Every structure is written in structure tokens, then in C-alpha cells.
C-alpha atoms as a PDB file:
ATOM      1  CA  MET A   1     -27.328 -37.064 -28.364  1.00  0.00           C
ATOM      2  CA  ASP A   2     -25.256 -38.161 -25.372  1.00  0.00           C
ATOM      3  CA  SER A   3     -21.667 -39.309 -25.402  1.00  0.00           C
ATOM      4  CA  THR A   4     -19.732 -40.785 -22.511  1.00  0.00           C
ATOM      5  CA  PRO A   5     -16.069 -40.227 -21.785  1.00  0.00           C
ATOM      6  CA  SER A   6     -13.526 -42.970 -22.094  1.00  0.00           C
ATOM      7  CA  ALA A   7     -12.455 -42.342 -18.499  1.00  0.00           C
ATOM      8  CA  PRO A   8     -14.059 -40.522 -15.567  1.00  0.00           C
ATOM      9  CA  ARG A   9     -13.037 -36.980 -14.838  1.00  0.00           C
ATOM     10  CA  ARG A  10     -10.415 -36.852 -12.109  1.00  0.00           C
ATOM     11  CA  TRP A  11      -8.768 -34.063 -10.186  1.00  0.00           C
ATOM     12  CA  ASP A  12      -5.394 -34.960  -8.738  1.00  0.00           C
ATOM     13  CA  PRO A  13      -4.459 -33.881  -5.155  1.00  0.00           C
ATOM     14  CA  ILE A  14      -2.430 -30.862  -6.295  1.00  0.00           C
ATOM     15  CA  VAL A  15      -5.335 -29.507  -8.341  1.00  0.00           C
ATOM     16  CA  LYS A  16      -7.697 -30.007  -5.404  1.00  0.00           C
ATOM     17  CA  LEU A  17      -5.221 -28.379  -3.006  1.00  0.00           C
ATOM     18  CA  THR A  18      -4.696 -25.311  -5.152  1.00  0.00           C
ATOM     19  CA  HIS A  19      -8.392 -24.986  -6.031  1.00  0.00           C
ATOM     20  CA  TRP A  20      -9.711 -25.107  -2.471  1.00  0.00           C
ATOM     21  CA  GLY A  21      -6.708 -23.214  -1.124  1.00  0.00           C
ATOM     22  CA  VAL A  22      -7.467 -20.339  -3.484  1.00  0.00           C
ATOM     23  CA  VAL A  23     -11.143 -20.501  -2.473  1.00  0.00           C
ATOM     24  CA  ALA A  24     -10.197 -20.301   1.226  1.00  0.00           C
ATOM     25  CA  ALA A  25      -7.753 -17.438   0.632  1.00  0.00           C
ATOM     26  CA  VAL A  26     -10.261 -15.393  -1.364  1.00  0.00           C
ATOM     27  CA  ILE A  27     -12.992 -15.909   1.245  1.00  0.00           C
ATOM     28  CA  GLY A  28     -10.562 -15.176   4.078  1.00  0.00           C
ATOM     29  CA  ASN A  29      -9.361 -11.875   2.660  1.00  0.00           C
ATOM     30  CA  ALA A  30     -12.848 -10.869   1.544  1.00  0.00           C
ATOM     31  CA  ILE A  31     -14.579 -11.532   4.879  1.00  0.00           C
ATOM     32  CA  PHE A  32     -12.245 -12.234   7.790  1.00  0.00           C
ATOM     33  CA  THR A  33      -9.191 -10.000   7.306  1.00  0.00           C
ATOM     34  CA  GLU A  34      -9.005  -6.248   7.035  1.00  0.00           C
ATOM     35  CA  GLU A  35      -7.606  -4.683   3.887  1.00  0.00           C
ATOM     36  CA  GLY A  36      -3.989  -3.663   4.403  1.00  0.00           C
ATOM     37  CA  SER A  37      -3.599  -5.603   7.660  1.00  0.00           C
ATOM     38  CA  GLY A  38      -0.744  -7.992   8.327  1.00  0.00           C
ATOM     39  CA  TRP A  39      -2.976 -11.034   8.064  1.00  0.00           C
ATOM     40  CA  HIS A  40      -4.455  -9.743   4.801  1.00  0.00           C
ATOM     41  CA  ILE A  41      -0.939  -9.437   3.372  1.00  0.00           C
ATOM     42  CA  TRP A  42       0.076 -12.920   4.514  1.00  0.00           C
ATOM     43  CA  VAL A  43      -3.073 -14.482   3.071  1.00  0.00           C
ATOM     44  CA  GLY A  44      -2.390 -12.624  -0.179  1.00  0.00           C
ATOM     45  CA  TYR A  45       1.102 -14.099  -0.349  1.00  0.00           C
ATOM     46  CA  GLY A  46      -0.341 -17.535   0.318  1.00  0.00           C
ATOM     47  CA  LEU A  47      -2.825 -17.011  -2.507  1.00  0.00           C
ATOM     48  CA  ALA A  48       0.005 -15.999  -4.840  1.00  0.00           C
ATOM     49  CA  ALA A  49       1.972 -19.131  -3.882  1.00  0.00           C
ATOM     50  CA  LEU A  50      -1.026 -21.388  -4.569  1.00  0.00           C
ATOM     51  CA  LEU A  51      -1.648 -19.715  -7.913  1.00  0.00           C
ATOM     52  CA  ALA A  52       2.019 -20.102  -8.877  1.00  0.00           C
ATOM     53  CA  LEU A  53       1.892 -23.796  -7.935  1.00  0.00           C
ATOM     54  CA  ARG A  54      -1.226 -24.362 -10.041  1.00  0.00           C
ATOM     55  CA  LEU A  55       0.290 -22.628 -13.060  1.00  0.00           C
ATOM     56  CA  LEU A  56       3.457 -24.692 -12.694  1.00  0.00           C
ATOM     57  CA  TRP A  57       1.325 -27.827 -12.362  1.00  0.00           C
ATOM     58  CA  GLY A  58      -0.350 -26.896 -15.626  1.00  0.00           C
ATOM     59  CA  LEU A  59       3.029 -27.435 -17.276  1.00  0.00           C
ATOM     60  CA  ILE A  60       4.390 -30.494 -15.479  1.00  0.00           C
ATOM     61  CA  GLY A  61       1.319 -32.153 -13.939  1.00  0.00           C
ATOM     62  CA  PRO A  62      -0.746 -35.104 -15.205  1.00  0.00           C
ATOM     63  CA  ASP A  63      -2.579 -34.869 -18.522  1.00  0.00           C
ATOM     64  CA  GLU A  64      -5.904 -33.749 -17.060  1.00  0.00           C
ATOM     65  CA  ALA A  65      -4.241 -30.892 -15.155  1.00  0.00           C
ATOM     66  CA  ARG A  66      -2.158 -29.541 -18.022  1.00  0.00           C
ATOM     67  CA  PHE A  67      -3.133 -26.513 -20.041  1.00  0.00           C
ATOM     68  CA  SER A  68      -3.190 -28.667 -23.149  1.00  0.00           C
ATOM     69  CA  ALA A  69      -6.217 -30.510 -21.729  1.00  0.00           C
ATOM     70  CA  PHE A  70      -8.356 -27.341 -21.740  1.00  0.00           C
ATOM     71  CA  PRO A  71      -6.872 -24.744 -24.112  1.00  0.00           C
ATOM     72  CA  PRO A  72      -8.707 -21.405 -24.296  1.00  0.00           C
ATOM     73  CA  SER A  73     -10.687 -21.469 -27.529  1.00  0.00           C
ATOM     74  CA  PRO A  74     -13.557 -19.042 -28.243  1.00  0.00           C
ATOM     75  CA  ALA A  75     -14.525 -21.154 -31.272  1.00  0.00           C
ATOM     76  CA  ARG A  76     -14.897 -24.289 -29.150  1.00  0.00           C
ATOM     77  CA  ALA A  77     -16.792 -22.264 -26.553  1.00  0.00           C
ATOM     78  CA  LEU A  78     -19.297 -21.134 -29.199  1.00  0.00           C
ATOM     79  CA  ASN A  79     -19.645 -24.726 -30.368  1.00  0.00           C
ATOM     80  CA  HIS A  80     -20.301 -25.780 -26.783  1.00  0.00           C
ATOM     81  CA  ILE A  81     -23.058 -23.164 -26.516  1.00  0.00           C
ATOM     82  CA  GLY A  82     -24.578 -24.666 -29.649  1.00  0.00           C
ATOM     83  CA  GLU A  83     -24.495 -28.126 -28.025  1.00  0.00           C
ATOM     84  CA  ILE A  84     -26.303 -26.719 -25.010  1.00  0.00           C
ATOM     85  CA  GLY A  85     -28.962 -25.214 -27.253  1.00  0.00           C
ATOM     86  CA  ARG A  86     -29.433 -28.546 -29.067  1.00  0.00           C
ATOM     87  CA  GLY A  87     -29.621 -30.462 -25.814  1.00  0.00           C
ATOM     88  CA  GLU A  88     -26.444 -32.432 -26.536  1.00  0.00           C
ATOM     89  CA  VAL A  89     -24.224 -33.512 -23.645  1.00  0.00           C
ATOM     90  CA  THR A  90     -20.526 -34.111 -24.246  1.00  0.00           C
ATOM     91  CA  GLN A  91     -18.322 -35.204 -21.376  1.00  0.00           C
ATOM     92  CA  HIS A  92     -14.834 -33.721 -21.188  1.00  0.00           C
ATOM     93  CA  ARG A  93     -11.805 -35.119 -19.400  1.00  0.00           C
ATOM     94  CA  SER A  94     -11.133 -31.644 -17.981  1.00  0.00           C
ATOM     95  CA  HIS A  95     -12.996 -28.335 -18.169  1.00  0.00           C
ATOM     96  CA  ASN A  96     -15.521 -27.869 -20.943  1.00  0.00           C
ATOM     97  CA  PRO A  97     -14.685 -25.050 -23.420  1.00  0.00           C
ATOM     98  CA  LEU A  98     -16.785 -22.455 -21.588  1.00  0.00           C
ATOM     99  CA  GLY A  99     -15.355 -23.524 -18.245  1.00  0.00           C
ATOM    100  CA  ALA A 100     -11.835 -23.307 -19.674  1.00  0.00           C
ATOM    101  CA  LEU A 101     -12.344 -19.682 -20.692  1.00  0.00           C
ATOM    102  CA  MET A 102     -13.667 -18.923 -17.215  1.00  0.00           C
ATOM    103  CA  VAL A 103     -10.696 -20.613 -15.542  1.00  0.00           C
ATOM    104  CA  TYR A 104      -8.181 -18.608 -17.551  1.00  0.00           C
ATOM    105  CA  ALA A 105     -10.100 -15.385 -16.857  1.00  0.00           C
ATOM    106  CA  ILE A 106     -10.062 -16.105 -13.121  1.00  0.00           C
ATOM    107  CA  TRP A 107      -6.340 -16.923 -13.175  1.00  0.00           C
ATOM    108  CA  ALA A 108      -5.519 -13.725 -15.069  1.00  0.00           C
ATOM    109  CA  THR A 109      -7.564 -11.665 -12.612  1.00  0.00           C
ATOM    110  CA  LEU A 110      -5.893 -13.367  -9.646  1.00  0.00           C
ATOM    111  CA  LEU A 111      -2.489 -12.508 -11.109  1.00  0.00           C
ATOM    112  CA  VAL A 112      -3.478  -8.832 -11.251  1.00  0.00           C
ATOM    113  CA  VAL A 113      -4.886  -8.939  -7.709  1.00  0.00           C
ATOM    114  CA  CYS A 114      -1.762 -10.591  -6.282  1.00  0.00           C
ATOM    115  CA  GLY A 115       0.657  -8.464  -8.294  1.00  0.00           C
ATOM    116  CA  THR A 116      -0.875  -5.128  -7.315  1.00  0.00           C
ATOM    117  CA  GLY A 117      -1.340  -6.237  -3.714  1.00  0.00           C
ATOM    118  CA  ILE A 118       2.303  -7.270  -3.352  1.00  0.00           C
ATOM    119  CA  ALA A 119       3.474  -4.070  -5.066  1.00  0.00           C
ATOM    120  CA  MET A 120       1.526  -1.956  -2.560  1.00  0.00           C
ATOM    121  CA  SER A 121       2.273  -3.926   0.610  1.00  0.00           C
ATOM    122  CA  GLY A 122       5.892  -4.971   0.064  1.00  0.00           C
ATOM    123  CA  PRO A 123       7.299  -7.932   2.034  1.00  0.00           C
ATOM    124  CA  PRO A 124       4.935  -9.534   4.552  1.00  0.00           C
ATOM    125  CA  PRO A 125       5.371  -8.293   8.141  1.00  0.00           C
ATOM    126  CA  ALA A 126       7.125 -10.483  10.683  1.00  0.00           C
ATOM    127  CA  ASP A 127       4.245  -9.969  13.120  1.00  0.00           C
ATOM    128  CA  PRO A 128       0.928  -9.965  11.235  1.00  0.00           C
ATOM    129  CA  SER A 129      -0.987  -8.747  14.285  1.00  0.00           C
ATOM    130  CA  ALA A 130       1.187  -5.629  14.568  1.00  0.00           C
ATOM    131  CA  VAL A 131       0.068  -4.217  11.216  1.00  0.00           C
ATOM    132  CA  ARG A 132      -3.443  -2.795  11.212  1.00  0.00           C
ATOM    133  CA  GLY A 133      -5.609  -2.366   8.155  1.00  0.00           C
ATOM    134  CA  GLU A 134      -6.276   0.842   6.288  1.00  0.00           C
ATOM    135  CA  HIS A 135      -9.649   1.327   7.981  1.00  0.00           C
ATOM    136  CA  GLY A 136      -8.894  -0.219  11.360  1.00  0.00           C
ATOM    137  CA  GLU A 137      -8.069   1.462  14.631  1.00  0.00           C
ATOM    138  CA  GLY A 138      -4.770   3.220  14.175  1.00  0.00           C
ATOM    139  CA  GLY A 139      -4.629   2.359  10.482  1.00  0.00           C
ATOM    140  CA  GLU A 140      -6.220   5.355   8.866  1.00  0.00           C
ATOM    141  CA  LYS A 141      -4.371   7.604  11.321  1.00  0.00           C
ATOM    142  CA  ARG A 142      -0.847   6.416  10.506  1.00  0.00           C
ATOM    143  CA  GLU A 143      -0.262   8.929   7.763  1.00  0.00           C
ATOM    144  CA  LYS A 144      -1.900  11.717   9.762  1.00  0.00           C
ATOM    145  CA  GLY A 145       0.230  10.831  12.780  1.00  0.00           C
ATOM    146  CA  GLU A 146       3.432  10.991  10.748  1.00  0.00           C
ATOM    147  CA  SER A 147       2.387  14.362   9.343  1.00  0.00           C
ATOM    148  CA  ASP A 148       1.601  15.618  12.861  1.00  0.00           C
ATOM    149  CA  GLU A 149       5.016  14.471  14.068  1.00  0.00           C
ATOM    150  CA  ARG A 150       6.747  16.360  11.256  1.00  0.00           C
ATOM    151  CA  GLY A 151       4.680  19.463  12.035  1.00  0.00           C
ATOM    152  CA  ALA A 152       5.501  19.205  15.752  1.00  0.00           C
ATOM    153  CA  ALA A 153       9.213  18.911  14.977  1.00  0.00           C
ATOM    154  CA  ARG A 154       9.103  22.017  12.779  1.00  0.00           C
ATOM    155  CA  GLU A 155       7.173  23.907  15.465  1.00  0.00           C
ATOM    156  CA  SER A 156       9.739  22.879  18.072  1.00  0.00           C
ATOM    157  CA  GLU A 157      12.582  24.158  15.907  1.00  0.00           C
ATOM    158  CA  ALA A 158      10.734  27.447  15.373  1.00  0.00           C
ATOM    159  CA  ASP A 159      10.159  27.815  19.131  1.00  0.00           C
ATOM    160  CA  GLU A 160      13.838  27.181  19.778  1.00  0.00           C
ATOM    161  CA  ALA A 161      14.812  29.855  17.243  1.00  0.00           C
ATOM    162  CA  ARG A 162      12.457  32.343  18.903  1.00  0.00           C
ATOM    163  CA  GLU A 163      13.884  31.545  22.337  1.00  0.00           C
ATOM    164  CA  GLN A 164      17.462  32.035  21.122  1.00  0.00           C
ATOM    165  CA  ALA A 165      16.501  35.388  19.603  1.00  0.00           C
ATOM    166  CA  ARG A 166      14.874  36.500  22.863  1.00  0.00           C
ATOM    167  CA  ARG A 167      17.929  35.473  24.848  1.00  0.00           C
ATOM    168  CA  ALA A 168      20.241  37.395  22.517  1.00  0.00           C
ATOM    169  CA  GLU A 169      18.087  40.505  22.801  1.00  0.00           C
ATOM    170  CA  ALA A 170      17.941  40.206  26.612  1.00  0.00           C
ATOM    171  CA  GLY A 171      21.729  39.851  26.760  1.00  0.00           C
ATOM    172  CA  GLU A 172      22.215  43.035  24.766  1.00  0.00           C
ATOM    173  CA  ASN A 173      19.852  44.901  27.099  1.00  0.00           C
ATOM    174  CA  GLU A 174      21.714  43.631  30.171  1.00  0.00           C
ATOM    175  CA  GLU A 175      25.045  44.765  28.742  1.00  0.00           C
ATOM    176  CA  ALA A 176      23.622  48.232  28.062  1.00  0.00           C
ATOM    177  CA  GLU A 177      22.272  48.480  31.607  1.00  0.00           C
ATOM    178  CA  GLU A 178      25.618  47.410  33.068  1.00  0.00           C
ATOM    179  CA  ARG A 179      27.424  50.098  31.081  1.00  0.00           C
ATOM    180  CA  GLU A 180      24.999  52.737  32.348  1.00  0.00           C
ATOM    181  CA  GLU A 181      25.479  51.630  35.964  1.00  0.00           C
ATOM    182  CA  ALA A 182      29.253  51.648  35.560  1.00  0.00           C
ATOM    183  CA  GLY A 183      29.104  55.191  34.189  1.00  0.00           C
ATOM    184  CA  ALA A 184      27.034  56.353  37.152  1.00  0.00           C
ATOM    185  CA  ARG A 185      29.554  54.928  39.673  1.00  0.00           C
ATOM    186  CA  ARG A 186      32.798  56.209  38.063  1.00  0.00           C
ATOM    187  CA  PRO A 187      34.889  58.873  39.986  1.00  0.00           C
ATOM    188  CA  ALA A 188      34.696  62.514  38.873  1.00  0.00           C
ATOM    189  CA  GLY A 189      38.473  62.728  38.228  1.00  0.00           C
ATOM    190  CA  LEU A 190      38.281  60.030  35.649  1.00  0.00           C
ATOM    191  CA  ALA A 191      35.263  61.491  33.857  1.00  0.00           C
ATOM    192  CA  ALA A 192      37.134  62.955  30.898  1.00  0.00           C
ATOM    193  CA  THR A 193      39.237  59.852  30.331  1.00  0.00           C
ATOM    194  CA  THR A 194      36.270  57.587  30.719  1.00  0.00           C
ATOM    195  CA  ASP A 195      34.165  59.742  28.438  1.00  0.00           C
ATOM    196  CA  ARG A 196      36.770  59.453  25.714  1.00  0.00           C
ATOM    197  CA  ALA A 197      37.057  55.681  26.192  1.00  0.00           C
ATOM    198  CA  GLU A 198      33.299  55.330  26.215  1.00  0.00           C
ATOM    199  CA  ALA A 199      33.063  57.474  23.072  1.00  0.00           C
ATOM    200  CA  ARG A 200      35.525  55.186  21.329  1.00  0.00           C
ATOM    201  CA  GLU A 201      33.617  52.116  22.577  1.00  0.00           C
ATOM    202  CA  GLN A 202      30.338  53.568  21.378  1.00  0.00           C
ATOM    203  CA  ALA A 203      31.877  54.355  17.992  1.00  0.00           C
ATOM    204  CA  GLY A 204      33.141  50.793  17.717  1.00  0.00           C
ATOM    205  CA  GLN A 205      29.801  49.448  18.829  1.00  0.00           C
ATOM    206  CA  ALA A 206      28.054  51.614  16.259  1.00  0.00           C
ATOM    207  CA  ALA A 207      30.300  50.204  13.544  1.00  0.00           C
ATOM    208  CA  VAL A 208      29.556  46.685  14.724  1.00  0.00           C
ATOM    209  CA  ASN A 209      25.837  47.451  14.788  1.00  0.00           C
ATOM    210  CA  ALA A 210      26.068  48.884  11.283  1.00  0.00           C
ATOM    211  CA  ARG A 211      27.500  45.613  10.060  1.00  0.00           C
ATOM    212  CA  ALA A 212      25.213  43.483  12.234  1.00  0.00           C
ATOM    213  CA  VAL A 213      21.639  42.520  11.555  1.00  0.00           C
ATOM    214  CA  PRO A 214      19.318  45.476  12.187  1.00  0.00           C
ATOM    215  CA  SER A 215      16.479  45.621  14.697  1.00  0.00           C
ATOM    216  CA  GLY A 216      13.998  42.796  14.310  1.00  0.00           C
ATOM    217  CA  ALA A 217      16.764  40.330  13.412  1.00  0.00           C
ATOM    218  CA  ALA A 218      15.069  37.577  15.340  1.00  0.00           C
ATOM    219  CA  ASP A 219      11.891  37.947  13.300  1.00  0.00           C
ATOM    220  CA  ALA A 220      13.869  38.042  10.070  1.00  0.00           C
ATOM    221  CA  MET A 221      15.844  34.930  11.025  1.00  0.00           C
ATOM    222  CA  LEU A 222      12.661  33.185  12.027  1.00  0.00           C
ATOM    223  CA  ALA A 223      10.961  34.168   8.766  1.00  0.00           C
ATOM    224  CA  THR A 224      13.927  32.843   6.796  1.00  0.00           C
ATOM    225  CA  THR A 225      13.864  29.597   8.757  1.00  0.00           C
ATOM    226  CA  GLU A 226      10.142  29.196   8.219  1.00  0.00           C
ATOM    227  CA  ARG A 227      10.510  29.866   4.485  1.00  0.00           C
ATOM    228  CA  GLY A 228      13.186  27.178   4.305  1.00  0.00           C
ATOM    229  CA  GLU A 229      10.978  24.778   6.220  1.00  0.00           C
ATOM    230  CA  ARG A 230       8.035  25.501   3.930  1.00  0.00           C
ATOM    231  CA  ALA A 231      10.214  24.912   0.869  1.00  0.00           C
ATOM    232  CA  GLU A 232      11.474  21.646   2.353  1.00  0.00           C
ATOM    233  CA  ALA A 233       7.919  20.639   3.214  1.00  0.00           C
ATOM    234  CA  ARG A 234       6.810  21.382  -0.347  1.00  0.00           C
ATOM    235  CA  GLU A 235       9.618  19.260  -1.771  1.00  0.00           C
ATOM    236  CA  SER A 236       8.834  16.465   0.668  1.00  0.00           C
ATOM    237  CA  GLY A 237       5.130  16.821  -0.105  1.00  0.00           C
ATOM    238  CA  GLU A 238       5.777  16.563  -3.818  1.00  0.00           C
ATOM    239  CA  GLY A 239       7.692  13.347  -3.275  1.00  0.00           C
ATOM    240  CA  GLU A 240       4.984  11.977  -1.012  1.00  0.00           C
ATOM    241  CA  ASP A 241       2.299  13.052  -3.478  1.00  0.00           C
ATOM    242  CA  GLY A 242       4.113  11.167  -6.238  1.00  0.00           C
ATOM    243  CA  GLU A 243       4.276   8.038  -4.102  1.00  0.00           C
ATOM    244  CA  GLU A 244       0.626   8.441  -3.106  1.00  0.00           C
ATOM    245  CA  GLU A 245      -0.397   8.866  -6.745  1.00  0.00           C
ATOM    246  CA  GLU A 246       1.491   5.699  -7.697  1.00  0.00           C
ATOM    247  CA  GLU A 247      -0.024   3.747  -4.815  1.00  0.00           C
ATOM    248  CA  GLY A 248      -3.410   5.270  -5.616  1.00  0.00           C
ATOM    249  CA  GLY A 249      -3.173   4.000  -9.195  1.00  0.00           C
ATOM    250  CA  LEU A 250      -2.213   0.535  -8.016  1.00  0.00           C
ATOM    251  CA  GLY A 251      -4.992   0.642  -5.457  1.00  0.00           C
ATOM    252  CA  GLU A 252      -7.570   1.451  -8.104  1.00  0.00           C
ATOM    253  CA  VAL A 253      -6.359  -1.381 -10.343  1.00  0.00           C
ATOM    254  CA  HIS A 254      -6.350  -3.731  -7.344  1.00  0.00           C
ATOM    255  CA  GLU A 255      -9.894  -2.749  -6.380  1.00  0.00           C
ATOM    256  CA  ILE A 256     -11.206  -3.157  -9.923  1.00  0.00           C
ATOM    257  CA  ALA A 257      -9.531  -6.565 -10.247  1.00  0.00           C
ATOM    258  CA  VAL A 258     -10.998  -7.724  -6.915  1.00  0.00           C
ATOM    259  CA  ASN A 259     -14.503  -6.692  -7.940  1.00  0.00           C
ATOM    260  CA  LEU A 260     -14.065  -8.374 -11.316  1.00  0.00           C
ATOM    261  CA  LEU A 261     -12.892 -11.510  -9.524  1.00  0.00           C
ATOM    262  CA  TYR A 262     -16.093 -11.593  -7.471  1.00  0.00           C
ATOM    263  CA  VAL A 263     -18.170 -11.311 -10.653  1.00  0.00           C
ATOM    264  CA  LEU A 264     -16.214 -14.115 -12.333  1.00  0.00           C
ATOM    265  CA  ILE A 265     -16.576 -16.336  -9.275  1.00  0.00           C
ATOM    266  CA  ALA A 266     -20.332 -15.791  -9.241  1.00  0.00           C
ATOM    267  CA  LEU A 267     -20.531 -16.673 -12.946  1.00  0.00           C
ATOM    268  CA  HIS A 268     -18.310 -19.709 -12.358  1.00  0.00           C
ATOM    269  CA  LEU A 269     -20.563 -20.996  -9.578  1.00  0.00           C
ATOM    270  CA  ALA A 270     -23.616 -20.454 -11.756  1.00  0.00           C
ATOM    271  CA  GLY A 271     -21.920 -22.399 -14.547  1.00  0.00           C
ATOM    272  CA  VAL A 272     -21.057 -25.284 -12.226  1.00  0.00           C
ATOM    273  CA  VAL A 273     -24.648 -25.491 -10.991  1.00  0.00           C
ATOM    274  CA  PHE A 274     -25.995 -25.346 -14.549  1.00  0.00           C
ATOM    275  CA  GLU A 275     -23.564 -27.979 -15.863  1.00  0.00           C
ATOM    276  CA  THR A 276     -24.257 -30.261 -12.902  1.00  0.00           C
ATOM    277  CA  ARG A 277     -28.003 -30.138 -13.569  1.00  0.00           C
ATOM    278  CA  ARG A 278     -27.430 -30.635 -17.297  1.00  0.00           C
ATOM    279  CA  SER A 279     -24.841 -33.410 -17.379  1.00  0.00           C
ATOM    280  CA  GLY A 280     -24.792 -34.967 -13.928  1.00  0.00           C
ATOM    281  CA  PRO A 281     -22.964 -34.665 -10.596  1.00  0.00           C
ATOM    282  CA  GLN A 282     -19.615 -36.075 -11.753  1.00  0.00           C
ATOM    283  CA  ILE A 283     -18.127 -32.572 -11.947  1.00  0.00           C
ATOM    284  CA  VAL A 284     -18.901 -32.048  -8.241  1.00  0.00           C
ATOM    285  CA  ARG A 285     -17.608 -35.483  -7.273  1.00  0.00           C
ATOM    286  CA  ALA A 286     -14.365 -34.792  -9.112  1.00  0.00           C
ATOM    287  CA  MET A 287     -13.672 -31.544  -7.242  1.00  0.00           C
ATOM    288  CA  VAL A 288     -14.705 -32.529  -3.722  1.00  0.00           C
ATOM    289  CA  PRO A 289     -11.658 -33.430  -1.564  1.00  0.00           C
ATOM    290  CA  GLY A 290     -11.643 -37.174  -1.078  1.00  0.00           C
ATOM    291  CA  GLY A 291     -14.421 -37.622  -3.606  1.00  0.00           C
ATOM    292  CA  THR A 292     -14.236 -40.533  -6.035  1.00  0.00           C
ATOM    293  CA  PRO A 293     -15.476 -39.745  -9.538  1.00  0.00           C
ATOM    294  CA  ARG A 294     -17.707 -42.293 -11.213  1.00  0.00           C
ATOM    295  CA  GLY A 295     -17.433 -43.334 -14.781  1.00  0.00           C
END
């Protein structure tokens, strides 16, 4: 049994714009942009804007575009499957019940894709070409480069500490040599006086040395510095690991949602082809930009 609608199915310009804009954005980010690149982020923001416009239009748009025209109803979807099995064709002013469920599933998946993508990328870059993707040249190496820079800075500080320790030790040796040379040149008449003064100086120096850092002070200072650096690196690493774990969780959700979106799109296309062969080409005419649906 066939039934004809009271009016032909129509898609208004906003519905067509958002539909084909989302199609272009999904294809663009799937094929032409690199994941994590500046252009990928900008296209993702454009996709989110189109989705937001379509959802808003579902509240304030014309009757055929509103959510009330195609409410999600599993019971109606089952009834529609029964109509297909009986060979009945019923025209709908908007999506049929099965198509409605698919539309809402695609919208929900797009929300997850856009939400996780924006959470990971942050604001879009001012220069899209300056931001490379995760797997592009210079993209995968960003994190490694930052780690190498931190390691080089720590190595430079350690080298500086070693150099200062060497200089201090060389200065002490020079002072000792100067004292020995001065003792060799002193007059014989002043020997006793000088010996007493030198004895007092040596006693004072011994007291200073007793309070000072013992031999190998440079190594001890360096070891202490390195321990502090390792502790700081561990704390920094823990913070970075926490951020990486959070981003890793979002990345997994994002990847799963993207793959699910591809599956839903394939099912949607199969449904459109099937419905077009079953009930006629009016569904295609309604969605094509500039197309005029026929009653």
C-alpha cells in the first residue's frame, strides 16, 4: 500500500548548508588535513560551528527542520521496518523513523568528536600552517625536542658546577705554591719570626679546613646538585605524565568516536541508497543544493 505526502519534502537553505558543510569538514579532516595540524584544528572548529547551528535550527527553524518533525522513537523505527518487510511505502515530511535515529546518532558522535578535539587542541592557532600534525615533519619530534632541551640545560648547569669546582681547587693549589716560594725567598734573620707566623697561619688554615668541606667537595656538590635535578625532573615528569595520561584518554575517546562516525556514515549512505530505490528519488532531490523537490 502506497501513501503520498500532503506536501513534498523540502530542505531549507540552512539545513542544506549545515548538512553539506559537515560532509565537507569530515572529508577534509579525514583525507586532506593531518591530525593535530593547524588546518585540522580550524576545520574541527568549523565543524563544531556548523553542528551548533544545525542544533539551534532544530529549535527555531521551519517545521520540517525542527526536532519535533523527526523525534527519535525506537517503536516507530520498528514499525517502519515492518512496513519495509510488507512492501509498504510511507512518505515522511522529514526523516523516516530509521533515518531519524541515524541522524541523532551521528549528531551525538559529532559532539563527542568536536568536544574531545577542542579539549586536546585548545584555541585554534593564528597561523594554521605553523602548526604541524602529530605525525608530520617536526610534529612527532616536538616533545622529544623539548625533553632534549631540558636535558641539555641540566647538562650545562652540571658542567658549570664542575668548572667552578676545578677553578676553586686550582686556586687553592696556586696559593699553596706561592706560600712555598715565599718561604724559600725569605731572609735567614727573619726565619724564626716567619716560622712562628707561618705556624699560626697554618694552624688557622687547619681550623678553616676542619670546618670547610673535605677533599672531594666538588664531587659531593655535584652529586647533590644532580640529585636535586633528578628529583625536580621526577616531579616534572609526574606532572607531564599526568597531562599525557589525560590527553591520552581524550585521544582514545576521540579516535573511537571518529571510527564510529565513519561506520555511521557508511550505514547512513546505505540507508539513503536503499530508501531511494524503494520509495523514489525525492529524498535525493530534497538534499541536493539547488534541487527542487517534486510532489
